[in-house]
Amino acid sequence: MASLTLNDSPVDFMIDPETPLLWALRDVANLTGAKYGCGSGECGACMVLVDGEAMPSCTMTLAEAQGRSVVTIEGIAHGTGTQLHPVQQALLDEQAFQCGFCTPGLVLAIAGLLRRNAHPSDEEIRAGITNICRCGVYPRLIGAVRRVTGPVVAPAPPPVKQSPDNSTVPDGPGGTESSSE
């Protein structure tokens, strides 16, 4: 038996604890949003949140999930006060899905990324979402993430300080050049 919290509810799975979490979710809990894609955790179709971190459910056993909190696509909107999680709404608004096979995994991968980093750069988004989408919605994913996080704000330039000879010198690393007015 394996006990865990599944979508905010305590659950006891009375099956072999070495069963992959994916199959317990799909075959026992009847939560079919997580999909079987590759069986090796590389495609992201089976992604779930485990203690808030996006993880492939095809490579995690029930024994490894014991005592942990697991959130599936069916439970991602719990506690938001809306029918859809903000990531789901952003993907819908950005039309960032086509066939839908990878969509549940993408939602959970993005939600996990945003839990770690509320304002990722475009590069961090590309690195953090490794799911495979055979329809090629990748360009729209960044737009969907931006709908949730807001635009990227460029870092402010270093402050400029006035030197004794009335030249300006950038204050901070590399601030060695000066210009006279």
C-alpha atoms as a PDB file:
ATOM      1  CA  MET A   1       0.000   0.000   0.000  1.00  0.00           C
ATOM      2  CA  ALA A   2       1.155   3.544  -0.759  1.00  0.00           C
ATOM      3  CA  SER A   3      -0.396   6.618   0.843  1.00  0.00           C
ATOM      4  CA  LEU A   4      -0.060  10.066  -0.659  1.00  0.00           C
ATOM      5  CA  THR A   5      -1.960  13.287  -1.143  1.00  0.00           C
ATOM      6  CA  LEU A   6      -3.482  13.423  -4.601  1.00  0.00           C
ATOM      7  CA  ASN A   7      -4.985  16.705  -5.770  1.00  0.00           C
ATOM      8  CA  ASP A   8      -5.379  17.840  -2.144  1.00  0.00           C
ATOM      9  CA  SER A   9      -7.030  14.604  -0.979  1.00  0.00           C
ATOM     10  CA  PRO A  10      -5.428  11.742   0.956  1.00  0.00           C
ATOM     11  CA  VAL A  11      -5.321   8.539  -1.107  1.00  0.00           C
ATOM     12  CA  ASP A  12      -4.245   4.964  -0.336  1.00  0.00           C
ATOM     13  CA  PHE A  13      -3.264   2.855  -3.338  1.00  0.00           C
ATOM     14  CA  MET A  14      -3.727  -0.833  -2.544  1.00  0.00           C
ATOM     15  CA  ILE A  15      -1.466  -2.055  -5.340  1.00  0.00           C
ATOM     16  CA  ASP A  16       2.184  -3.028  -5.697  1.00  0.00           C
ATOM     17  CA  PRO A  17       4.276  -0.057  -4.459  1.00  0.00           C
ATOM     18  CA  GLU A  18       6.675  -0.607  -7.368  1.00  0.00           C
ATOM     19  CA  THR A  19       3.911   0.290  -9.828  1.00  0.00           C
ATOM     20  CA  PRO A  20       4.780   3.429 -11.787  1.00  0.00           C
ATOM     21  CA  LEU A  21       2.826   6.425 -10.515  1.00  0.00           C
ATOM     22  CA  LEU A  22       1.518   7.004 -14.047  1.00  0.00           C
ATOM     23  CA  TRP A  23      -0.307   3.674 -14.105  1.00  0.00           C
ATOM     24  CA  ALA A  24      -1.692   4.151 -10.585  1.00  0.00           C
ATOM     25  CA  LEU A  25      -3.068   7.534 -11.653  1.00  0.00           C
ATOM     26  CA  ARG A  26      -4.553   6.295 -14.917  1.00  0.00           C
ATOM     27  CA  ASP A  27      -5.702   2.764 -14.043  1.00  0.00           C
ATOM     28  CA  VAL A  28      -6.598   3.002 -10.360  1.00  0.00           C
ATOM     29  CA  ALA A  29      -7.462   6.656  -9.705  1.00  0.00           C
ATOM     30  CA  ASN A  30      -8.996   7.075 -13.195  1.00  0.00           C
ATOM     31  CA  LEU A  31      -7.087  10.340 -13.719  1.00  0.00           C
ATOM     32  CA  THR A  32      -6.168  10.046 -17.378  1.00  0.00           C
ATOM     33  CA  GLY A  33      -4.707  13.514 -18.032  1.00  0.00           C
ATOM     34  CA  ALA A  34      -1.132  12.254 -17.597  1.00  0.00           C
ATOM     35  CA  LYS A  35      -0.288  10.390 -20.802  1.00  0.00           C
ATOM     36  CA  TYR A  36       2.118   7.588 -21.606  1.00  0.00           C
ATOM     37  CA  GLY A  37       4.576   8.852 -24.194  1.00  0.00           C
ATOM     38  CA  CYS A  38       8.094   7.487 -23.923  1.00  0.00           C
ATOM     39  CA  GLY A  39       8.251   5.523 -20.664  1.00  0.00           C
ATOM     40  CA  SER A  40      11.636   7.059 -19.816  1.00  0.00           C
ATOM     41  CA  GLY A  41      10.617  10.481 -18.506  1.00  0.00           C
ATOM     42  CA  GLU A  42      11.978  12.404 -21.465  1.00  0.00           C
ATOM     43  CA  CYS A  43       8.881  13.513 -23.391  1.00  0.00           C
ATOM     44  CA  GLY A  44       6.916  15.165 -20.573  1.00  0.00           C
ATOM     45  CA  ALA A  45       3.523  13.731 -21.543  1.00  0.00           C
ATOM     46  CA  CYS A  46       3.167  12.149 -18.085  1.00  0.00           C
ATOM     47  CA  MET A  47       4.247  15.219 -16.083  1.00  0.00           C
ATOM     48  CA  VAL A  48       2.759  15.787 -12.626  1.00  0.00           C
ATOM     49  CA  LEU A  49       3.723  18.072  -9.760  1.00  0.00           C
ATOM     50  CA  VAL A  50       5.298  16.231  -6.833  1.00  0.00           C
ATOM     51  CA  ASP A  51       5.668  18.495  -3.826  1.00  0.00           C
ATOM     52  CA  GLY A  52       5.369  21.397  -6.281  1.00  0.00           C
ATOM     53  CA  GLU A  53       8.092  20.189  -8.638  1.00  0.00           C
ATOM     54  CA  ALA A  54       7.307  18.993 -12.182  1.00  0.00           C
ATOM     55  CA  MET A  55       8.296  15.331 -12.468  1.00  0.00           C
ATOM     56  CA  PRO A  56       7.578  12.544 -14.963  1.00  0.00           C
ATOM     57  CA  SER A  57       5.144  10.058 -13.434  1.00  0.00           C
ATOM     58  CA  CYS A  58       6.258   7.210 -15.696  1.00  0.00           C
ATOM     59  CA  THR A  59       9.609   6.895 -13.920  1.00  0.00           C
ATOM     60  CA  MET A  60       8.417   7.392 -10.335  1.00  0.00           C
ATOM     61  CA  THR A  61       7.036   4.448  -8.390  1.00  0.00           C
ATOM     62  CA  LEU A  62       4.235   4.625  -5.875  1.00  0.00           C
ATOM     63  CA  ALA A  63       6.816   3.833  -3.190  1.00  0.00           C
ATOM     64  CA  GLU A  64       8.759   6.961  -4.223  1.00  0.00           C
ATOM     65  CA  ALA A  65       5.542   9.007  -4.071  1.00  0.00           C
ATOM     66  CA  GLN A  66       4.696   7.701  -0.594  1.00  0.00           C
ATOM     67  CA  GLY A  67       3.827  10.557   1.774  1.00  0.00           C
ATOM     68  CA  ARG A  68       4.220  13.210  -0.902  1.00  0.00           C
ATOM     69  CA  SER A  69       1.774  15.625  -2.504  1.00  0.00           C
ATOM     70  CA  VAL A  70       0.951  14.858  -6.138  1.00  0.00           C
ATOM     71  CA  VAL A  71      -1.006  17.237  -8.367  1.00  0.00           C
ATOM     72  CA  THR A  72      -2.275  16.175 -11.780  1.00  0.00           C
ATOM     73  CA  ILE A  73      -3.824  18.226 -14.563  1.00  0.00           C
ATOM     74  CA  GLU A  74      -7.216  17.335 -13.081  1.00  0.00           C
ATOM     75  CA  GLY A  75      -6.289  19.071  -9.822  1.00  0.00           C
ATOM     76  CA  ILE A  76      -4.055  21.952 -10.955  1.00  0.00           C
ATOM     77  CA  ALA A  77      -6.865  24.545 -10.718  1.00  0.00           C
ATOM     78  CA  HIS A  78      -7.822  23.561  -7.127  1.00  0.00           C
ATOM     79  CA  GLY A  79      -7.559  26.557  -4.861  1.00  0.00           C
ATOM     80  CA  THR A  80      -7.358  29.135  -7.658  1.00  0.00           C
ATOM     81  CA  GLY A  81     -11.009  30.142  -7.358  1.00  0.00           C
ATOM     82  CA  THR A  82     -11.446  29.613 -11.099  1.00  0.00           C
ATOM     83  CA  GLN A  83     -12.163  26.664 -13.346  1.00  0.00           C
ATOM     84  CA  LEU A  84      -8.782  26.989 -15.040  1.00  0.00           C
ATOM     85  CA  HIS A  85      -5.315  27.495 -13.611  1.00  0.00           C
ATOM     86  CA  PRO A  86      -3.672  30.700 -14.935  1.00  0.00           C
ATOM     87  CA  VAL A  87      -1.290  28.581 -17.046  1.00  0.00           C
ATOM     88  CA  GLN A  88      -4.205  26.723 -18.621  1.00  0.00           C
ATOM     89  CA  GLN A  89      -5.947  30.009 -19.407  1.00  0.00           C
ATOM     90  CA  ALA A  90      -2.749  31.484 -20.866  1.00  0.00           C
ATOM     91  CA  LEU A  91      -2.229  28.465 -23.152  1.00  0.00           C
ATOM     92  CA  LEU A  92      -5.826  28.766 -24.296  1.00  0.00           C
ATOM     93  CA  ASP A  93      -5.571  32.527 -24.891  1.00  0.00           C
ATOM     94  CA  GLU A  94      -2.267  32.130 -26.760  1.00  0.00           C
ATOM     95  CA  GLN A  95      -3.626  29.171 -28.792  1.00  0.00           C
ATOM     96  CA  ALA A  96      -0.542  27.273 -27.693  1.00  0.00           C
ATOM     97  CA  PHE A  97      -1.829  23.770 -28.316  1.00  0.00           C
ATOM     98  CA  GLN A  98      -3.105  21.763 -31.240  1.00  0.00           C
ATOM     99  CA  CYS A  99      -3.762  18.045 -30.835  1.00  0.00           C
ATOM    100  CA  GLY A 100      -3.748  18.316 -27.022  1.00  0.00           C
ATOM    101  CA  PHE A 101      -1.759  15.152 -26.267  1.00  0.00           C
ATOM    102  CA  CYS A 102       1.113  17.043 -24.633  1.00  0.00           C
ATOM    103  CA  THR A 103      -0.984  19.879 -23.167  1.00  0.00           C
ATOM    104  CA  PRO A 104      -1.476  18.435 -19.655  1.00  0.00           C
ATOM    105  CA  GLY A 105       2.263  17.818 -19.333  1.00  0.00           C
ATOM    106  CA  LEU A 106       3.071  21.293 -20.647  1.00  0.00           C
ATOM    107  CA  VAL A 107       0.690  22.925 -18.150  1.00  0.00           C
ATOM    108  CA  LEU A 108       2.339  21.114 -15.260  1.00  0.00           C
ATOM    109  CA  ALA A 109       5.876  21.751 -16.529  1.00  0.00           C
ATOM    110  CA  ILE A 110       5.134  25.477 -16.839  1.00  0.00           C
ATOM    111  CA  ALA A 111       3.426  25.572 -13.431  1.00  0.00           C
ATOM    112  CA  GLY A 112       6.449  23.842 -11.894  1.00  0.00           C
ATOM    113  CA  LEU A 113       8.818  26.282 -13.607  1.00  0.00           C
ATOM    114  CA  LEU A 114       6.853  29.275 -12.334  1.00  0.00           C
ATOM    115  CA  ARG A 115       6.877  27.902  -8.779  1.00  0.00           C
ATOM    116  CA  ARG A 116      10.691  27.875  -8.935  1.00  0.00           C
ATOM    117  CA  ASN A 117      11.040  31.154 -10.810  1.00  0.00           C
ATOM    118  CA  ALA A 118       8.086  33.552 -10.975  1.00  0.00           C
ATOM    119  CA  HIS A 119       9.693  35.695 -13.699  1.00  0.00           C
ATOM    120  CA  PRO A 120      11.868  33.497 -15.920  1.00  0.00           C
ATOM    121  CA  SER A 121      13.741  34.879 -18.902  1.00  0.00           C
ATOM    122  CA  ASP A 122      12.991  33.487 -22.355  1.00  0.00           C
ATOM    123  CA  GLU A 123      16.131  31.350 -22.084  1.00  0.00           C
ATOM    124  CA  GLU A 124      15.026  30.003 -18.693  1.00  0.00           C
ATOM    125  CA  ILE A 125      11.623  29.146 -20.180  1.00  0.00           C
ATOM    126  CA  ARG A 126      13.237  27.266 -23.071  1.00  0.00           C
ATOM    127  CA  ALA A 127      15.554  25.405 -20.679  1.00  0.00           C
ATOM    128  CA  GLY A 128      12.823  24.695 -18.135  1.00  0.00           C
ATOM    129  CA  ILE A 129      10.207  23.278 -20.495  1.00  0.00           C
ATOM    130  CA  THR A 130      11.723  20.205 -22.084  1.00  0.00           C
ATOM    131  CA  ASN A 131       8.444  18.552 -23.077  1.00  0.00           C
ATOM    132  CA  ILE A 132       8.148  17.187 -26.584  1.00  0.00           C
ATOM    133  CA  CYS A 133       5.283  18.556 -28.693  1.00  0.00           C
ATOM    134  CA  ARG A 134       4.869  16.887 -32.052  1.00  0.00           C
ATOM    135  CA  CYS A 135       2.680  19.778 -33.267  1.00  0.00           C
ATOM    136  CA  GLY A 136       5.450  22.328 -32.658  1.00  0.00           C
ATOM    137  CA  VAL A 137       3.738  24.910 -30.425  1.00  0.00           C
ATOM    138  CA  TYR A 138       7.050  25.963 -28.868  1.00  0.00           C
ATOM    139  CA  PRO A 139       7.070  29.602 -30.093  1.00  0.00           C
ATOM    140  CA  ARG A 140       3.655  30.171 -28.502  1.00  0.00           C
ATOM    141  CA  LEU A 141       4.733  28.730 -25.150  1.00  0.00           C
ATOM    142  CA  ILE A 142       6.870  31.755 -24.336  1.00  0.00           C
ATOM    143  CA  GLY A 143       3.906  34.004 -25.132  1.00  0.00           C
ATOM    144  CA  ALA A 144       1.704  31.908 -22.847  1.00  0.00           C
ATOM    145  CA  VAL A 145       4.224  32.115 -20.007  1.00  0.00           C
ATOM    146  CA  ARG A 146       4.428  35.881 -20.516  1.00  0.00           C
ATOM    147  CA  ARG A 147       0.639  36.099 -20.170  1.00  0.00           C
ATOM    148  CA  VAL A 148       1.058  34.653 -16.668  1.00  0.00           C
ATOM    149  CA  THR A 149       4.248  36.465 -15.605  1.00  0.00           C
ATOM    150  CA  GLY A 150       3.945  39.762 -17.444  1.00  0.00           C
ATOM    151  CA  PRO A 151       6.649  41.123 -19.724  1.00  0.00           C
ATOM    152  CA  VAL A 152      10.318  40.719 -18.983  1.00  0.00           C
ATOM    153  CA  VAL A 153      11.666  43.832 -17.343  1.00  0.00           C
ATOM    154  CA  ALA A 154      15.216  44.658 -18.386  1.00  0.00           C
ATOM    155  CA  PRO A 155      17.578  45.284 -15.504  1.00  0.00           C
ATOM    156  CA  ALA A 156      18.151  48.946 -14.754  1.00  0.00           C
ATOM    157  CA  PRO A 157      21.470  50.368 -15.906  1.00  0.00           C
ATOM    158  CA  PRO A 158      23.956  51.018 -13.127  1.00  0.00           C
ATOM    159  CA  PRO A 159      23.605  54.436 -11.503  1.00  0.00           C
ATOM    160  CA  VAL A 160      25.924  57.176 -12.718  1.00  0.00           C
ATOM    161  CA  LYS A 161      27.917  59.124 -10.184  1.00  0.00           C
ATOM    162  CA  GLN A 162      29.587  62.465 -10.621  1.00  0.00           C
ATOM    163  CA  SER A 163      33.375  62.473 -10.228  1.00  0.00           C
ATOM    164  CA  PRO A 164      35.267  65.412  -8.692  1.00  0.00           C
ATOM    165  CA  ASP A 165      36.316  66.687 -12.156  1.00  0.00           C
ATOM    166  CA  ASN A 166      32.624  66.806 -13.307  1.00  0.00           C
ATOM    167  CA  SER A 167      32.958  63.736 -15.527  1.00  0.00           C
ATOM    168  CA  THR A 168      30.388  60.961 -15.250  1.00  0.00           C
ATOM    169  CA  VAL A 169      31.428  57.477 -14.234  1.00  0.00           C
ATOM    170  CA  PRO A 170      29.103  54.453 -14.176  1.00  0.00           C
ATOM    171  CA  ASP A 171      28.850  53.222 -10.602  1.00  0.00           C
ATOM    172  CA  GLY A 172      29.395  49.488 -10.416  1.00  0.00           C
ATOM    173  CA  PRO A 173      31.408  46.722 -12.045  1.00  0.00           C
ATOM    174  CA  GLY A 174      33.264  47.850 -15.117  1.00  0.00           C
ATOM    175  CA  GLY A 175      32.672  51.508 -14.333  1.00  0.00           C
ATOM    176  CA  THR A 176      36.203  52.579 -15.175  1.00  0.00           C
ATOM    177  CA  GLU A 177      35.558  54.741 -18.225  1.00  0.00           C
ATOM    178  CA  SER A 178      34.636  58.372 -17.830  1.00  0.00           C
ATOM    179  CA  SER A 179      33.529  61.058 -20.215  1.00  0.00           C
ATOM    180  CA  SER A 180      33.981  64.782 -19.834  1.00  0.00           C
ATOM    181  CA  GLU A 181      31.215  67.186 -20.691  1.00  0.00           C
END
